[in-house]
Amino acid sequence: HVSKVSGYKASVQKLVAFVHTNNIQAEIPVKNAIPLAIATKGIKYLGIQFSKEVNYLCTKNYKNVLKEMRDNTNK
């Protein structure tokens, strides 16, 4: 378990699952089997935006990070 190594325990009330498949019918049993809150549109993990819309991954992550780096460099 991660908790033995890190010393932290996961709070099930705060956990969120992000289910992403190409088949909506396949998602239904998975969502029903997971006893966690399900993110419907996307999730942010370690500063990275994950979205069901694959086309937006570059826009939400790379372009924002690049802009932030440019802004910080200009300061």
PDB file of N, CA and C in Angstrom:
ATOM      1  N   HIS A   1       0.815  -1.188   0.000  1.00  0.00           N
ATOM      2  CA  HIS A   1       0.000   0.000   0.000  1.00  0.00           C
ATOM      3  C   HIS A   1       0.858   1.251   0.000  1.00  0.00           C
ATOM      4  N   VAL A   2       0.363   2.265  -0.642  1.00  0.00           N
ATOM      5  CA  VAL A   2       1.054   3.546  -0.709  1.00  0.00           C
ATOM      6  C   VAL A   2       1.153   4.173   0.675  1.00  0.00           C
ATOM      7  N   SER A   3       0.141   3.976   1.500  1.00  0.00           N
ATOM      8  CA  SER A   3       0.126   4.596   2.818  1.00  0.00           C
ATOM      9  C   SER A   3       1.277   4.111   3.697  1.00  0.00           C
ATOM     10  N   LYS A   4       1.727   2.887   3.512  1.00  0.00           N
ATOM     11  CA  LYS A   4       2.851   2.373   4.300  1.00  0.00           C
ATOM     12  C   LYS A   4       4.145   3.092   3.941  1.00  0.00           C
ATOM     13  N   VAL A   5       4.290   3.466   2.675  1.00  0.00           N
ATOM     14  CA  VAL A   5       5.502   4.141   2.216  1.00  0.00           C
ATOM     15  C   VAL A   5       5.428   5.637   2.486  1.00  0.00           C
ATOM     16  N   SER A   6       4.296   6.243   2.173  1.00  0.00           N
ATOM     17  CA  SER A   6       4.183   7.695   2.258  1.00  0.00           C
ATOM     18  C   SER A   6       3.783   8.194   3.640  1.00  0.00           C
ATOM     19  N   GLY A   7       3.112   7.365   4.406  1.00  0.00           N
ATOM     20  CA  GLY A   7       2.607   7.805   5.700  1.00  0.00           C
ATOM     21  C   GLY A   7       1.263   8.497   5.596  1.00  0.00           C
ATOM     22  N   TYR A   8       0.716   8.609   4.389  1.00  0.00           N
ATOM     23  CA  TYR A   8      -0.579   9.250   4.168  1.00  0.00           C
ATOM     24  C   TYR A   8      -1.647   8.200   3.910  1.00  0.00           C
ATOM     25  N   LYS A   9      -2.852   8.511   4.321  1.00  0.00           N
ATOM     26  CA  LYS A   9      -3.978   7.637   4.025  1.00  0.00           C
ATOM     27  C   LYS A   9      -4.904   8.354   3.048  1.00  0.00           C
ATOM     28  N   ALA A  10      -5.457   7.606   2.103  1.00  0.00           N
ATOM     29  CA  ALA A  10      -6.384   8.179   1.128  1.00  0.00           C
ATOM     30  C   ALA A  10      -7.752   8.330   1.771  1.00  0.00           C
ATOM     31  N   SER A  11      -8.364   9.471   1.556  1.00  0.00           N
ATOM     32  CA  SER A  11      -9.713   9.716   2.030  1.00  0.00           C
ATOM     33  C   SER A  11     -10.686   9.368   0.907  1.00  0.00           C
ATOM     34  N   VAL A  12     -11.451   8.314   1.103  1.00  0.00           N
ATOM     35  CA  VAL A  12     -12.364   7.845   0.062  1.00  0.00           C
ATOM     36  C   VAL A  12     -13.390   8.929  -0.289  1.00  0.00           C
ATOM     37  N   GLN A  13     -13.742   9.776   0.680  1.00  0.00           N
ATOM     38  CA  GLN A  13     -14.713  10.830   0.416  1.00  0.00           C
ATOM     39  C   GLN A  13     -14.162  11.872  -0.551  1.00  0.00           C
ATOM     40  N   LYS A  14     -12.839  12.014  -0.627  1.00  0.00           N
ATOM     41  CA  LYS A  14     -12.237  13.020  -1.492  1.00  0.00           C
ATOM     42  C   LYS A  14     -11.764  12.460  -2.834  1.00  0.00           C
ATOM     43  N   LEU A  15     -11.729  11.148  -2.977  1.00  0.00           N
ATOM     44  CA  LEU A  15     -11.253  10.539  -4.215  1.00  0.00           C
ATOM     45  C   LEU A  15     -12.256  10.730  -5.350  1.00  0.00           C
ATOM     46  N   VAL A  16     -11.729  10.978  -6.533  1.00  0.00           N
ATOM     47  CA  VAL A  16     -12.561  11.136  -7.720  1.00  0.00           C
ATOM     48  C   VAL A  16     -11.975  10.262  -8.821  1.00  0.00           C
ATOM     49  N   ALA A  17     -12.817   9.522  -9.509  1.00  0.00           N
ATOM     50  CA  ALA A  17     -12.384   8.676 -10.620  1.00  0.00           C
ATOM     51  C   ALA A  17     -12.721   9.370 -11.936  1.00  0.00           C
ATOM     52  N   PHE A  18     -11.860   9.165 -12.909  1.00  0.00           N
ATOM     53  CA  PHE A  18     -12.095   9.696 -14.247  1.00  0.00           C
ATOM     54  C   PHE A  18     -12.126   8.507 -15.198  1.00  0.00           C
ATOM     55  N   VAL A  19     -13.300   8.168 -15.670  1.00  0.00           N
ATOM     56  CA  VAL A  19     -13.490   7.009 -16.548  1.00  0.00           C
ATOM     57  C   VAL A  19     -13.525   7.508 -17.983  1.00  0.00           C
ATOM     58  N   HIS A  20     -12.650   6.934 -18.801  1.00  0.00           N
ATOM     59  CA  HIS A  20     -12.612   7.366 -20.196  1.00  0.00           C
ATOM     60  C   HIS A  20     -12.472   6.154 -21.105  1.00  0.00           C
ATOM     61  N   THR A  21     -13.496   5.921 -21.898  1.00  0.00           N
ATOM     62  CA  THR A  21     -13.465   4.852 -22.906  1.00  0.00           C
ATOM     63  C   THR A  21     -14.045   5.408 -24.199  1.00  0.00           C
ATOM     64  N   ASN A  22     -13.878   4.678 -25.264  1.00  0.00           N
ATOM     65  CA  ASN A  22     -14.470   5.072 -26.544  1.00  0.00           C
ATOM     66  C   ASN A  22     -15.906   4.570 -26.675  1.00  0.00           C
ATOM     67  N   ASN A  23     -16.333   3.788 -25.692  1.00  0.00           N
ATOM     68  CA  ASN A  23     -17.655   3.170 -25.767  1.00  0.00           C
ATOM     69  C   ASN A  23     -18.453   3.558 -24.520  1.00  0.00           C
ATOM     70  N   ILE A  24     -19.470   4.375 -24.703  1.00  0.00           N
ATOM     71  CA  ILE A  24     -20.279   4.847 -23.568  1.00  0.00           C
ATOM     72  C   ILE A  24     -20.966   3.677 -22.870  1.00  0.00           C
ATOM     73  N   GLN A  25     -21.393   2.680 -23.637  1.00  0.00           N
ATOM     74  CA  GLN A  25     -22.041   1.509 -23.039  1.00  0.00           C
ATOM     75  C   GLN A  25     -21.080   0.750 -22.128  1.00  0.00           C
ATOM     76  N   ALA A  26     -19.794   0.759 -22.443  1.00  0.00           N
ATOM     77  CA  ALA A  26     -18.802   0.075 -21.614  1.00  0.00           C
ATOM     78  C   ALA A  26     -18.523   0.849 -20.329  1.00  0.00           C
ATOM     79  N   GLU A  27     -18.757   2.155 -20.339  1.00  0.00           N
ATOM     80  CA  GLU A  27     -18.516   2.977 -19.150  1.00  0.00           C
ATOM     81  C   GLU A  27     -19.532   2.712 -18.050  1.00  0.00           C
ATOM     82  N   ILE A  28     -20.735   2.389 -18.396  1.00  0.00           N
ATOM     83  CA  ILE A  28     -21.820   2.261 -17.416  1.00  0.00           C
ATOM     84  C   ILE A  28     -21.504   1.221 -16.341  1.00  0.00           C
ATOM     85  N   PRO A  29     -21.127  -0.019 -16.684  1.00  0.00           N
ATOM     86  CA  PRO A  29     -20.830  -0.977 -15.608  1.00  0.00           C
ATOM     87  C   PRO A  29     -19.599  -0.583 -14.788  1.00  0.00           C
ATOM     88  N   VAL A  30     -18.652   0.069 -15.421  1.00  0.00           N
ATOM     89  CA  VAL A  30     -17.460   0.510 -14.688  1.00  0.00           C
ATOM     90  C   VAL A  30     -17.846   1.570 -13.673  1.00  0.00           C
ATOM     91  N   LYS A  31     -18.641   2.537 -14.095  1.00  0.00           N
ATOM     92  CA  LYS A  31     -19.092   3.599 -13.189  1.00  0.00           C
ATOM     93  C   LYS A  31     -19.894   3.031 -12.031  1.00  0.00           C
ATOM     94  N   ASN A  32     -20.713   2.022 -12.299  1.00  0.00           N
ATOM     95  CA  ASN A  32     -21.522   1.411 -11.245  1.00  0.00           C
ATOM     96  C   ASN A  32     -20.684   0.594 -10.273  1.00  0.00           C
ATOM     97  N   ALA A  33     -19.556   0.082 -10.726  1.00  0.00           N
ATOM     98  CA  ALA A  33     -18.710  -0.762  -9.878  1.00  0.00           C
ATOM     99  C   ALA A  33     -17.753   0.049  -9.008  1.00  0.00           C
ATOM    100  N   ILE A  34     -17.506   1.305  -9.355  1.00  0.00           N
ATOM    101  CA  ILE A  34     -16.557   2.128  -8.607  1.00  0.00           C
ATOM    102  C   ILE A  34     -17.301   2.897  -7.514  1.00  0.00           C
ATOM    103  N   PRO A  35     -16.901   2.707  -6.248  1.00  0.00           N
ATOM    104  CA  PRO A  35     -17.601   3.402  -5.160  1.00  0.00           C
ATOM    105  C   PRO A  35     -17.054   4.811  -4.905  1.00  0.00           C
ATOM    106  N   LEU A  36     -16.668   5.503  -5.956  1.00  0.00           N
ATOM    107  CA  LEU A  36     -16.095   6.845  -5.836  1.00  0.00           C
ATOM    108  C   LEU A  36     -16.925   7.830  -6.639  1.00  0.00           C
ATOM    109  N   ALA A  37     -16.712   9.101  -6.375  1.00  0.00           N
ATOM    110  CA  ALA A  37     -17.329  10.130  -7.209  1.00  0.00           C
ATOM    111  C   ALA A  37     -16.715  10.031  -8.602  1.00  0.00           C
ATOM    112  N   ILE A  38     -17.512  10.232  -9.622  1.00  0.00           N
ATOM    113  CA  ILE A  38     -17.056  10.132 -11.004  1.00  0.00           C
ATOM    114  C   ILE A  38     -17.007  11.529 -11.609  1.00  0.00           C
ATOM    115  N   ALA A  39     -15.850  11.904 -12.137  1.00  0.00           N
ATOM    116  CA  ALA A  39     -15.715  13.184 -12.845  1.00  0.00           C
ATOM    117  C   ALA A  39     -16.336  13.021 -14.222  1.00  0.00           C
ATOM    118  N   THR A  40     -17.252  13.903 -14.568  1.00  0.00           N
ATOM    119  CA  THR A  40     -17.963  13.742 -15.839  1.00  0.00           C
ATOM    120  C   THR A  40     -17.276  14.434 -17.004  1.00  0.00           C
ATOM    121  N   LYS A  41     -16.666  15.587 -16.782  1.00  0.00           N
ATOM    122  CA  LYS A  41     -16.054  16.331 -17.882  1.00  0.00           C
ATOM    123  C   LYS A  41     -14.542  16.188 -17.931  1.00  0.00           C
ATOM    124  N   GLY A  42     -13.917  16.204 -16.792  1.00  0.00           N
ATOM    125  CA  GLY A  42     -12.465  16.124 -16.756  1.00  0.00           C
ATOM    126  C   GLY A  42     -11.966  16.177 -15.334  1.00  0.00           C
ATOM    127  N   ILE A  43     -10.651  16.119 -15.195  1.00  0.00           N
ATOM    128  CA  ILE A  43     -10.033  16.103 -13.883  1.00  0.00           C
ATOM    129  C   ILE A  43      -8.650  16.729 -13.984  1.00  0.00           C
ATOM    130  N   LYS A  44      -8.201  17.345 -12.925  1.00  0.00           N
ATOM    131  CA  LYS A  44      -6.857  17.899 -12.878  1.00  0.00           C
ATOM    132  C   LYS A  44      -6.045  17.071 -11.885  1.00  0.00           C
ATOM    133  N   TYR A  45      -4.916  16.536 -12.344  1.00  0.00           N
ATOM    134  CA  TYR A  45      -4.064  15.701 -11.506  1.00  0.00           C
ATOM    135  C   TYR A  45      -2.623  16.107 -11.714  1.00  0.00           C
ATOM    136  N   LEU A  46      -1.958  16.465 -10.641  1.00  0.00           N
ATOM    137  CA  LEU A  46      -0.562  16.914 -10.680  1.00  0.00           C
ATOM    138  C   LEU A  46      -0.364  18.040 -11.686  1.00  0.00           C
ATOM    139  N   GLY A  47      -1.333  18.940 -11.739  1.00  0.00           N
ATOM    140  CA  GLY A  47      -1.224  20.109 -12.607  1.00  0.00           C
ATOM    141  C   GLY A  47      -1.574  19.863 -14.057  1.00  0.00           C
ATOM    142  N   ILE A  48      -1.980  18.660 -14.393  1.00  0.00           N
ATOM    143  CA  ILE A  48      -2.323  18.326 -15.778  1.00  0.00           C
ATOM    144  C   ILE A  48      -3.833  18.162 -15.883  1.00  0.00           C
ATOM    145  N   GLN A  49      -4.423  18.813 -16.872  1.00  0.00           N
ATOM    146  CA  GLN A  49      -5.852  18.713 -17.126  1.00  0.00           C
ATOM    147  C   GLN A  49      -6.122  17.510 -18.023  1.00  0.00           C
ATOM    148  N   PHE A  50      -6.920  16.578 -17.539  1.00  0.00           N
ATOM    149  CA  PHE A  50      -7.351  15.445 -18.339  1.00  0.00           C
ATOM    150  C   PHE A  50      -8.796  15.692 -18.742  1.00  0.00           C
ATOM    151  N   SER A  51      -9.108  15.473 -20.004  1.00  0.00           N
ATOM    152  CA  SER A  51     -10.432  15.751 -20.521  1.00  0.00           C
ATOM    153  C   SER A  51     -10.878  14.603 -21.413  1.00  0.00           C
ATOM    154  N   LYS A  52     -12.182  14.410 -21.487  1.00  0.00           N
ATOM    155  CA  LYS A  52     -12.699  13.400 -22.411  1.00  0.00           C
ATOM    156  C   LYS A  52     -12.505  13.843 -23.850  1.00  0.00           C
ATOM    157  N   GLU A  53     -12.427  15.139 -24.057  1.00  0.00           N
ATOM    158  CA  GLU A  53     -12.198  15.680 -25.390  1.00  0.00           C
ATOM    159  C   GLU A  53     -10.691  15.706 -25.659  1.00  0.00           C
ATOM    160  N   VAL A  54     -10.207  14.739 -26.395  1.00  0.00           N
ATOM    161  CA  VAL A  54      -8.779  14.602 -26.664  1.00  0.00           C
ATOM    162  C   VAL A  54      -8.223  15.835 -27.379  1.00  0.00           C
ATOM    163  N   ASN A  55      -9.044  16.477 -28.195  1.00  0.00           N
ATOM    164  CA  ASN A  55      -8.595  17.650 -28.949  1.00  0.00           C
ATOM    165  C   ASN A  55      -8.184  18.799 -28.040  1.00  0.00           C
ATOM    166  N   TYR A  56      -8.699  18.832 -26.815  1.00  0.00           N
ATOM    167  CA  TYR A  56      -8.419  19.940 -25.907  1.00  0.00           C
ATOM    168  C   TYR A  56      -7.208  19.697 -25.008  1.00  0.00           C
ATOM    169  N   LEU A  57      -6.615  18.516 -25.038  1.00  0.00           N
ATOM    170  CA  LEU A  57      -5.489  18.219 -24.158  1.00  0.00           C
ATOM    171  C   LEU A  57      -4.318  19.173 -24.392  1.00  0.00           C
ATOM    172  N   CYS A  58      -3.998  19.444 -25.631  1.00  0.00           N
ATOM    173  CA  CYS A  58      -2.909  20.360 -25.957  1.00  0.00           C
ATOM    174  C   CYS A  58      -3.256  21.773 -25.523  1.00  0.00           C
ATOM    175  N   THR A  59      -4.468  22.207 -25.805  1.00  0.00           N
ATOM    176  CA  THR A  59      -4.895  23.561 -25.456  1.00  0.00           C
ATOM    177  C   THR A  59      -4.891  23.766 -23.948  1.00  0.00           C
ATOM    178  N   LYS A  60      -5.410  22.805 -23.213  1.00  0.00           N
ATOM    179  CA  LYS A  60      -5.537  22.954 -21.765  1.00  0.00           C
ATOM    180  C   LYS A  60      -4.214  22.792 -21.033  1.00  0.00           C
ATOM    181  N   ASN A  61      -3.249  22.133 -21.632  1.00  0.00           N
ATOM    182  CA  ASN A  61      -2.003  21.860 -20.924  1.00  0.00           C
ATOM    183  C   ASN A  61      -0.806  22.581 -21.543  1.00  0.00           C
ATOM    184  N   TYR A  62      -0.431  22.184 -22.713  1.00  0.00           N
ATOM    185  CA  TYR A  62       0.794  22.697 -23.328  1.00  0.00           C
ATOM    186  C   TYR A  62       0.751  24.208 -23.535  1.00  0.00           C
ATOM    187  N   LYS A  63      -0.304  24.703 -24.125  1.00  0.00           N
ATOM    188  CA  LYS A  63      -0.368  26.135 -24.435  1.00  0.00           C
ATOM    189  C   LYS A  63      -0.402  26.982 -23.162  1.00  0.00           C
ATOM    190  N   ASN A  64      -1.111  26.525 -22.131  1.00  0.00           N
ATOM    191  CA  ASN A  64      -1.151  27.266 -20.881  1.00  0.00           C
ATOM    192  C   ASN A  64       0.204  27.274 -20.179  1.00  0.00           C
ATOM    193  N   VAL A  65       0.881  26.136 -20.173  1.00  0.00           N
ATOM    194  CA  VAL A  65       2.200  26.056 -19.547  1.00  0.00           C
ATOM    195  C   VAL A  65       3.198  26.908 -20.320  1.00  0.00           C
ATOM    196  N   LEU A  66       3.142  26.865 -21.631  1.00  0.00           N
ATOM    197  CA  LEU A  66       4.037  27.669 -22.460  1.00  0.00           C
ATOM    198  C   LEU A  66       3.811  29.156 -22.208  1.00  0.00           C
ATOM    199  N   LYS A  67       2.560  29.575 -22.114  1.00  0.00           N
ATOM    200  CA  LYS A  67       2.239  30.975 -21.836  1.00  0.00           C
ATOM    201  C   LYS A  67       2.754  31.376 -20.452  1.00  0.00           C
ATOM    202  N   GLU A  68       2.559  30.517 -19.475  1.00  0.00           N
ATOM    203  CA  GLU A  68       3.026  30.803 -18.111  1.00  0.00           C
ATOM    204  C   GLU A  68       4.551  30.924 -18.071  1.00  0.00           C
ATOM    205  N   MET A  69       5.235  30.054 -18.803  1.00  0.00           N
ATOM    206  CA  MET A  69       6.699  30.122 -18.857  1.00  0.00           C
ATOM    207  C   MET A  69       7.166  31.418 -19.517  1.00  0.00           C
ATOM    208  N   ARG A  70       6.496  31.807 -20.599  1.00  0.00           N
ATOM    209  CA  ARG A  70       6.857  33.058 -21.275  1.00  0.00           C
ATOM    210  C   ARG A  70       6.622  34.259 -20.363  1.00  0.00           C
ATOM    211  N   ASP A  71       5.473  34.251 -19.667  1.00  0.00           N
ATOM    212  CA  ASP A  71       5.177  35.347 -18.739  1.00  0.00           C
ATOM    213  C   ASP A  71       6.211  35.429 -17.636  1.00  0.00           C
ATOM    214  N   ASN A  72       6.588  34.288 -17.083  1.00  0.00           N
ATOM    215  CA  ASN A  72       7.594  34.271 -16.013  1.00  0.00           C
ATOM    216  C   ASN A  72       8.968  34.708 -16.525  1.00  0.00           C
ATOM    217  N   THR A  73       9.292  34.318 -17.746  1.00  0.00           N
ATOM    218  CA  THR A  73      10.575  34.708 -18.335  1.00  0.00           C
ATOM    219  C   THR A  73      10.634  36.199 -18.591  1.00  0.00           C
ATOM    220  N   ASN A  74       9.515  36.770 -19.028  1.00  0.00           N
ATOM    221  CA  ASN A  74       9.464  38.208 -19.310  1.00  0.00           C
ATOM    222  C   ASN A  74       9.557  39.051 -18.045  1.00  0.00           C
ATOM    223  N   LYS A  75       9.169  38.472 -16.912  1.00  0.00           N
ATOM    224  CA  LYS A  75       9.276  39.218 -15.634  1.00  0.00           C
ATOM    225  C   LYS A  75      10.717  39.329 -15.274  1.00  0.00           C
TER     226      LYS A  75
END
